[in-house]
């Protein structure tokens, strides 16, 4: 089954919207967790740091996609797509390193929250999958 080639404009617009949507989803999830558990709950700070870090990376991905979309008419199309895909690959690694590092720090800090922290890290790490799918859509067939 052959992949249909996408227009570069469509691929970058999709990456921009999906990255922004991932940022919004992580924010809504963190806010919901804080409302349900309470701001003074022991899980509040791990939730803010893990999900907030994922939000920052998703926002950076939206910025990368938006910059690529803006540069599309001013530069070589293939070069813009390849550069944006490389940056998405870098952001994939950043979010995974962030999730592992932050989760390890919180587990060391408070072992009784280990399961909750690992679940939060797994939720934030799903951003790496989103970025990988978007990266695949940016690479030429």
N, C-alpha and C. Protein backbone atom coordinates (compact mmCIF):
# COMPACT_ATOMS: atom_id res chain seq x y z
N UNK A 1 0.85 -1.17 0.00
CA UNK A 1 0.00 0.00 0.00
C UNK A 1 0.90 1.23 0.00
N UNK A 2 0.78 2.04 -1.01
CA UNK A 2 1.61 3.23 -1.15
C UNK A 2 1.00 4.40 -0.42
N UNK A 3 1.87 5.17 0.23
CA UNK A 3 1.39 6.39 0.88
C UNK A 3 1.17 7.45 -0.17
N UNK A 4 0.06 8.14 -0.05
CA UNK A 4 -0.22 9.24 -0.96
C UNK A 4 0.64 10.44 -0.58
N UNK A 5 1.29 11.07 -1.57
CA UNK A 5 2.08 12.25 -1.22
C UNK A 5 1.17 13.39 -0.77
N UNK A 6 1.59 14.06 0.28
CA UNK A 6 0.81 15.18 0.79
C UNK A 6 1.41 16.48 0.30
N UNK A 7 0.60 17.47 0.23
CA UNK A 7 1.11 18.79 -0.06
C UNK A 7 1.89 19.28 1.15
N UNK A 8 3.02 19.94 0.94
CA UNK A 8 3.81 20.42 2.08
C UNK A 8 3.02 21.36 2.99
N UNK A 9 2.18 22.18 2.39
CA UNK A 9 1.36 23.10 3.17
C UNK A 9 0.44 22.34 4.12
N UNK A 10 -0.16 21.28 3.61
CA UNK A 10 -1.08 20.47 4.42
C UNK A 10 -0.33 19.77 5.56
N UNK A 11 0.85 19.23 5.26
CA UNK A 11 1.61 18.51 6.28
C UNK A 11 2.04 19.44 7.41
N UNK A 12 2.50 20.63 7.07
CA UNK A 12 2.95 21.57 8.10
C UNK A 12 1.77 22.14 8.89
N UNK A 13 0.67 22.37 8.21
CA UNK A 13 -0.53 22.86 8.91
C UNK A 13 -1.04 21.80 9.89
N UNK A 14 -1.04 20.56 9.45
CA UNK A 14 -1.46 19.46 10.32
C UNK A 14 -0.54 19.35 11.53
N UNK A 15 0.77 19.47 11.32
CA UNK A 15 1.73 19.40 12.41
C UNK A 15 1.52 20.55 13.39
N UNK A 16 1.24 21.73 12.87
CA UNK A 16 1.01 22.90 13.71
C UNK A 16 -0.23 22.71 14.58
N UNK A 17 -1.32 22.30 13.97
CA UNK A 17 -2.58 22.14 14.69
C UNK A 17 -2.50 20.99 15.69
N UNK A 18 -1.89 19.87 15.28
CA UNK A 18 -1.80 18.72 16.19
C UNK A 18 -0.88 19.01 17.37
N UNK A 19 0.21 19.72 17.15
CA UNK A 19 1.11 20.06 18.26
C UNK A 19 0.43 21.02 19.23
N UNK A 20 -0.25 22.00 18.70
CA UNK A 20 -1.01 22.92 19.56
C UNK A 20 -2.11 22.19 20.31
N UNK A 21 -2.75 21.26 19.65
CA UNK A 21 -3.80 20.47 20.31
C UNK A 21 -3.23 19.58 21.41
N UNK A 22 -2.05 19.02 21.20
CA UNK A 22 -1.41 18.21 22.24
C UNK A 22 -1.06 19.07 23.45
N UNK A 23 -0.60 20.29 23.19
CA UNK A 23 -0.31 21.22 24.29
C UNK A 23 -1.58 21.52 25.08
N UNK A 24 -2.65 21.79 24.37
CA UNK A 24 -3.93 22.07 25.03
C UNK A 24 -4.43 20.86 25.81
N UNK A 25 -4.31 19.66 25.23
CA UNK A 25 -4.78 18.45 25.91
C UNK A 25 -4.00 18.19 27.20
N UNK A 26 -2.69 18.37 27.16
CA UNK A 26 -1.91 18.18 28.38
C UNK A 26 -2.28 19.21 29.44
N UNK A 27 -2.56 20.43 29.02
CA UNK A 27 -2.97 21.46 29.97
C UNK A 27 -4.31 21.16 30.60
N UNK A 28 -5.25 20.71 29.80
CA UNK A 28 -6.58 20.36 30.32
C UNK A 28 -6.46 19.18 31.28
N UNK A 29 -5.63 18.21 30.93
CA UNK A 29 -5.44 17.05 31.81
C UNK A 29 -4.82 17.47 33.14
N UNK A 30 -3.81 18.32 33.10
CA UNK A 30 -3.18 18.78 34.34
C UNK A 30 -4.17 19.59 35.19
N UNK A 31 -4.91 20.47 34.55
CA UNK A 31 -5.90 21.27 35.29
C UNK A 31 -6.98 20.38 35.90
N UNK A 32 -7.44 19.40 35.15
CA UNK A 32 -8.45 18.48 35.67
C UNK A 32 -7.93 17.69 36.86
N UNK A 33 -6.70 17.24 36.75
CA UNK A 33 -6.10 16.49 37.85
C UNK A 33 -5.97 17.35 39.10
N UNK A 34 -5.58 18.61 38.92
CA UNK A 34 -5.46 19.50 40.06
C UNK A 34 -6.81 19.81 40.69
N UNK A 35 -7.84 19.93 39.86
CA UNK A 35 -9.18 20.19 40.40
C UNK A 35 -9.69 18.96 41.16
N UNK A 36 -9.48 17.78 40.59
CA UNK A 36 -9.97 16.57 41.24
C UNK A 36 -9.18 16.20 42.49
N UNK A 37 -7.86 16.32 42.44
CA UNK A 37 -7.04 15.92 43.58
C UNK A 37 -6.87 17.04 44.59
N UNK A 38 -6.99 18.25 44.11
CA UNK A 38 -6.78 19.40 45.00
C UNK A 38 -5.38 19.94 44.82
N UNK A 39 -5.26 21.24 44.92
CA UNK A 39 -3.96 21.89 44.71
C UNK A 39 -2.96 21.56 45.81
N UNK A 40 -3.45 21.17 46.96
CA UNK A 40 -2.54 20.83 48.06
C UNK A 40 -2.25 19.33 48.14
N UNK A 41 -2.70 18.59 47.14
CA UNK A 41 -2.45 17.15 47.09
C UNK A 41 -0.96 16.87 46.85
N UNK A 42 -0.47 15.74 47.35
CA UNK A 42 0.95 15.42 47.12
C UNK A 42 1.28 15.19 45.65
N UNK A 43 0.29 14.87 44.84
CA UNK A 43 0.53 14.61 43.42
C UNK A 43 0.51 15.89 42.59
N UNK A 44 0.16 17.02 43.17
CA UNK A 44 0.01 18.26 42.41
C UNK A 44 1.30 18.70 41.74
N UNK A 45 2.40 18.76 42.48
CA UNK A 45 3.65 19.23 41.88
C UNK A 45 4.21 18.25 40.85
N UNK A 46 4.17 16.95 41.09
CA UNK A 46 4.61 16.05 40.02
C UNK A 46 3.76 16.19 38.76
N UNK A 47 2.46 16.38 38.92
CA UNK A 47 1.58 16.55 37.75
C UNK A 47 1.94 17.82 36.99
N UNK A 48 2.17 18.89 37.73
CA UNK A 48 2.50 20.16 37.08
C UNK A 48 3.84 20.05 36.35
N UNK A 49 4.83 19.43 36.97
CA UNK A 49 6.14 19.37 36.31
C UNK A 49 6.15 18.41 35.13
N UNK A 50 5.57 17.23 35.28
CA UNK A 50 5.59 16.27 34.18
C UNK A 50 4.71 16.71 33.01
N UNK A 51 3.48 17.05 33.30
CA UNK A 51 2.57 17.45 32.22
C UNK A 51 2.92 18.84 31.69
N UNK A 52 3.39 19.71 32.58
CA UNK A 52 3.81 21.03 32.14
C UNK A 52 5.03 20.98 31.25
N UNK A 53 5.96 20.09 31.56
CA UNK A 53 7.12 19.89 30.68
C UNK A 53 6.71 19.38 29.32
N UNK A 54 5.74 18.47 29.29
CA UNK A 54 5.21 18.00 28.01
C UNK A 54 4.54 19.12 27.24
N UNK A 55 3.85 20.00 27.97
CA UNK A 55 3.23 21.16 27.32
C UNK A 55 4.26 22.06 26.68
N UNK A 56 5.36 22.30 27.37
CA UNK A 56 6.41 23.16 26.83
C UNK A 56 6.98 22.56 25.55
N UNK A 57 7.21 21.26 25.53
CA UNK A 57 7.73 20.61 24.33
C UNK A 57 6.71 20.66 23.20
N UNK A 58 5.43 20.44 23.52
CA UNK A 58 4.38 20.51 22.50
C UNK A 58 4.27 21.92 21.94
N UNK A 59 4.41 22.91 22.79
CA UNK A 59 4.39 24.30 22.34
C UNK A 59 5.59 24.60 21.45
N UNK A 60 6.75 24.06 21.79
CA UNK A 60 7.93 24.22 20.94
C UNK A 60 7.71 23.55 19.59
N UNK A 61 7.08 22.38 19.58
CA UNK A 61 6.79 21.69 18.32
C UNK A 61 5.83 22.51 17.47
N UNK A 62 4.83 23.12 18.10
CA UNK A 62 3.92 23.99 17.35
C UNK A 62 4.68 25.17 16.77
N UNK A 63 5.62 25.72 17.52
CA UNK A 63 6.44 26.82 17.02
C UNK A 63 7.31 26.40 15.85
N UNK A 64 7.89 25.20 15.94
CA UNK A 64 8.71 24.68 14.84
C UNK A 64 7.86 24.48 13.59
N UNK A 65 6.68 23.89 13.76
CA UNK A 65 5.79 23.66 12.61
C UNK A 65 5.30 24.99 12.04
N UNK A 66 4.96 25.93 12.91
CA UNK A 66 4.52 27.24 12.44
C UNK A 66 5.60 27.98 11.70
N UNK A 67 6.84 27.90 12.19
CA UNK A 67 7.96 28.55 11.50
C UNK A 67 8.20 27.90 10.14
N UNK A 68 8.10 26.57 10.10
CA UNK A 68 8.25 25.88 8.81
C UNK A 68 7.15 26.25 7.83
N UNK A 69 5.96 26.36 8.33
CA UNK A 69 4.82 26.73 7.50
C UNK A 69 5.01 28.14 6.95
N UNK A 70 5.50 29.03 7.80
CA UNK A 70 5.74 30.41 7.38
C UNK A 70 6.86 30.49 6.34
N UNK A 71 7.93 29.67 6.51
CA UNK A 71 9.06 29.68 5.59
C UNK A 71 8.79 28.94 4.30
N UNK A 72 7.69 28.25 4.21
CA UNK A 72 7.42 27.39 3.06
C UNK A 72 7.45 28.15 1.74
N UNK A 73 6.90 29.34 1.70
CA UNK A 73 6.88 30.09 0.46
C UNK A 73 8.17 30.82 0.16
N UNK A 74 9.10 30.84 1.11
CA UNK A 74 10.33 31.60 0.95
C UNK A 74 11.56 30.74 0.73
N UNK A 75 11.46 29.45 0.86
CA UNK A 75 12.64 28.58 0.77
C UNK A 75 12.28 27.31 0.01
N UNK A 76 13.27 26.46 -0.17
CA UNK A 76 13.10 25.17 -0.83
C UNK A 76 12.15 24.31 -0.02
N UNK A 77 11.10 23.83 -0.66
CA UNK A 77 10.06 23.07 0.04
C UNK A 77 10.63 21.82 0.70
N UNK A 78 11.44 21.08 -0.04
CA UNK A 78 12.00 19.84 0.50
C UNK A 78 12.91 20.13 1.70
N UNK A 79 13.68 21.18 1.61
CA UNK A 79 14.57 21.55 2.71
C UNK A 79 13.80 21.93 3.97
N UNK A 80 12.71 22.66 3.79
CA UNK A 80 11.89 23.07 4.94
C UNK A 80 11.28 21.85 5.60
N UNK A 81 10.76 20.93 4.82
CA UNK A 81 10.14 19.72 5.39
C UNK A 81 11.17 18.86 6.11
N UNK A 82 12.36 18.70 5.50
CA UNK A 82 13.39 17.88 6.13
C UNK A 82 13.88 18.51 7.43
N UNK A 83 14.06 19.82 7.43
CA UNK A 83 14.52 20.50 8.63
C UNK A 83 13.46 20.41 9.74
N UNK A 84 12.21 20.59 9.38
CA UNK A 84 11.13 20.49 10.37
C UNK A 84 11.04 19.07 10.92
N UNK A 85 11.19 18.07 10.05
CA UNK A 85 11.16 16.67 10.50
C UNK A 85 12.32 16.38 11.44
N UNK A 86 13.51 16.90 11.14
CA UNK A 86 14.66 16.71 12.03
C UNK A 86 14.42 17.34 13.40
N UNK A 87 13.84 18.52 13.39
CA UNK A 87 13.55 19.19 14.66
C UNK A 87 12.49 18.45 15.46
N UNK A 88 11.53 17.86 14.77
CA UNK A 88 10.52 17.06 15.47
C UNK A 88 11.17 15.82 16.09
N UNK A 89 12.14 15.23 15.39
CA UNK A 89 12.88 14.10 15.95
C UNK A 89 13.64 14.49 17.21
N UNK A 90 14.25 15.68 17.18
CA UNK A 90 14.94 16.18 18.37
C UNK A 90 13.96 16.39 19.52
N UNK A 91 12.81 16.97 19.23
CA UNK A 91 11.81 17.20 20.28
C UNK A 91 11.25 15.90 20.82
N UNK A 92 11.19 14.86 20.00
CA UNK A 92 10.79 13.54 20.48
C UNK A 92 11.74 13.08 21.58
N UNK A 93 13.04 13.19 21.30
CA UNK A 93 14.03 12.77 22.30
C UNK A 93 13.96 13.65 23.55
N UNK A 94 13.74 14.94 23.35
CA UNK A 94 13.65 15.86 24.50
C UNK A 94 12.51 15.45 25.42
N UNK A 95 11.34 15.16 24.87
CA UNK A 95 10.21 14.82 25.73
C UNK A 95 10.44 13.49 26.44
N UNK A 96 11.08 12.54 25.78
CA UNK A 96 11.36 11.27 26.45
C UNK A 96 12.38 11.43 27.57
N UNK A 97 13.43 12.21 27.30
CA UNK A 97 14.43 12.45 28.35
C UNK A 97 13.79 13.21 29.52
N UNK A 98 12.94 14.18 29.21
CA UNK A 98 12.26 14.93 30.27
C UNK A 98 11.41 14.00 31.13
N UNK A 99 10.62 13.16 30.48
CA UNK A 99 9.73 12.27 31.24
C UNK A 99 10.52 11.31 32.12
N UNK A 100 11.58 10.74 31.58
CA UNK A 100 12.39 9.80 32.36
C UNK A 100 13.08 10.51 33.51
N UNK A 101 13.69 11.65 33.22
CA UNK A 101 14.41 12.39 34.26
C UNK A 101 13.51 12.92 35.35
N UNK A 102 12.40 13.53 34.96
CA UNK A 102 11.48 14.09 35.95
C UNK A 102 10.83 12.98 36.77
N UNK A 103 10.46 11.89 36.12
CA UNK A 103 9.85 10.78 36.86
C UNK A 103 10.84 10.20 37.85
N UNK A 104 12.09 10.03 37.42
CA UNK A 104 13.10 9.48 38.34
C UNK A 104 13.32 10.42 39.52
N UNK A 105 13.36 11.70 39.26
CA UNK A 105 13.55 12.66 40.36
C UNK A 105 12.39 12.63 41.34
N UNK A 106 11.17 12.56 40.83
CA UNK A 106 10.01 12.54 41.73
C UNK A 106 9.91 11.23 42.50
N UNK A 107 10.28 10.12 41.86
CA UNK A 107 10.24 8.84 42.57
C UNK A 107 11.29 8.82 43.68
N UNK A 108 12.48 9.37 43.39
CA UNK A 108 13.51 9.45 44.43
C UNK A 108 13.05 10.37 45.56
N UNK A 109 12.40 11.46 45.18
CA UNK A 109 11.94 12.41 46.18
C UNK A 109 10.83 11.84 47.06
N UNK A 110 9.91 11.13 46.45
CA UNK A 110 8.77 10.60 47.20
C UNK A 110 8.38 9.23 46.65
N UNK A 111 8.90 8.20 47.26
CA UNK A 111 8.69 6.84 46.77
C UNK A 111 7.22 6.41 46.84
N UNK A 112 6.46 6.96 47.77
CA UNK A 112 5.06 6.55 47.91
C UNK A 112 4.20 7.05 46.74
N UNK A 113 4.70 7.97 45.94
CA UNK A 113 3.96 8.45 44.76
C UNK A 113 4.45 7.80 43.46
N UNK A 114 5.24 6.75 43.57
CA UNK A 114 5.91 6.18 42.40
C UNK A 114 4.94 5.77 41.29
N UNK A 115 3.88 5.09 41.63
CA UNK A 115 2.96 4.62 40.59
C UNK A 115 2.26 5.79 39.90
N UNK A 116 1.80 6.75 40.67
CA UNK A 116 1.15 7.93 40.09
C UNK A 116 2.12 8.72 39.21
N UNK A 117 3.35 8.86 39.66
CA UNK A 117 4.35 9.60 38.89
C UNK A 117 4.67 8.87 37.59
N UNK A 118 4.81 7.56 37.65
CA UNK A 118 5.09 6.79 36.43
C UNK A 118 3.92 6.86 35.45
N UNK A 119 2.70 6.87 35.96
CA UNK A 119 1.55 7.02 35.08
C UNK A 119 1.51 8.40 34.43
N UNK A 120 1.83 9.43 35.20
CA UNK A 120 1.91 10.78 34.63
C UNK A 120 3.00 10.88 33.57
N UNK A 121 4.13 10.24 33.84
CA UNK A 121 5.22 10.25 32.86
C UNK A 121 4.81 9.50 31.59
N UNK A 122 4.06 8.43 31.74
CA UNK A 122 3.60 7.69 30.56
C UNK A 122 2.63 8.52 29.72
N UNK A 123 1.78 9.29 30.40
CA UNK A 123 0.85 10.17 29.67
C UNK A 123 1.62 11.25 28.92
N UNK A 124 2.58 11.88 29.59
CA UNK A 124 3.36 12.93 28.93
C UNK A 124 4.23 12.36 27.81
N UNK A 125 4.71 11.12 27.97
CA UNK A 125 5.55 10.50 26.95
C UNK A 125 4.78 10.16 25.68
N UNK A 126 3.47 10.13 25.75
CA UNK A 126 2.68 9.89 24.55
C UNK A 126 2.86 11.00 23.52
N UNK A 127 3.33 12.15 23.98
CA UNK A 127 3.64 13.23 23.05
C UNK A 127 4.72 12.80 22.07
N UNK A 128 5.64 11.96 22.50
CA UNK A 128 6.68 11.46 21.60
C UNK A 128 6.06 10.67 20.45
N UNK A 129 5.02 9.91 20.73
CA UNK A 129 4.33 9.18 19.66
C UNK A 129 3.65 10.13 18.69
N UNK A 130 3.02 11.17 19.22
CA UNK A 130 2.37 12.16 18.37
C UNK A 130 3.40 12.84 17.48
N UNK A 131 4.51 13.24 18.07
CA UNK A 131 5.55 13.89 17.28
C UNK A 131 6.13 12.95 16.23
N UNK A 132 6.24 11.68 16.57
CA UNK A 132 6.73 10.70 15.59
C UNK A 132 5.78 10.54 14.41
N UNK A 133 4.49 10.51 14.69
CA UNK A 133 3.52 10.41 13.58
C UNK A 133 3.55 11.66 12.72
N UNK A 134 3.67 12.81 13.36
CA UNK A 134 3.74 14.05 12.59
C UNK A 134 5.04 14.12 11.79
N UNK A 135 6.11 13.64 12.38
CA UNK A 135 7.39 13.60 11.65
C UNK A 135 7.31 12.72 10.42
N UNK A 136 6.64 11.59 10.57
CA UNK A 136 6.48 10.69 9.42
C UNK A 136 5.68 11.35 8.31
N UNK A 137 4.69 12.17 8.69
CA UNK A 137 3.92 12.89 7.68
C UNK A 137 4.70 13.98 7.00
N UNK A 138 5.80 14.44 7.62
CA UNK A 138 6.61 15.50 7.04
C UNK A 138 7.70 14.95 6.11
N UNK A 139 8.06 13.69 6.27
CA UNK A 139 9.12 13.13 5.43
C UNK A 139 8.56 12.73 4.09
N UNK A 140 9.28 13.03 3.02
CA UNK A 140 8.79 12.67 1.70
C UNK A 140 8.73 11.15 1.53
N UNK A 141 7.77 10.70 0.75
CA UNK A 141 7.58 9.25 0.55
C UNK A 141 8.72 8.65 -0.23
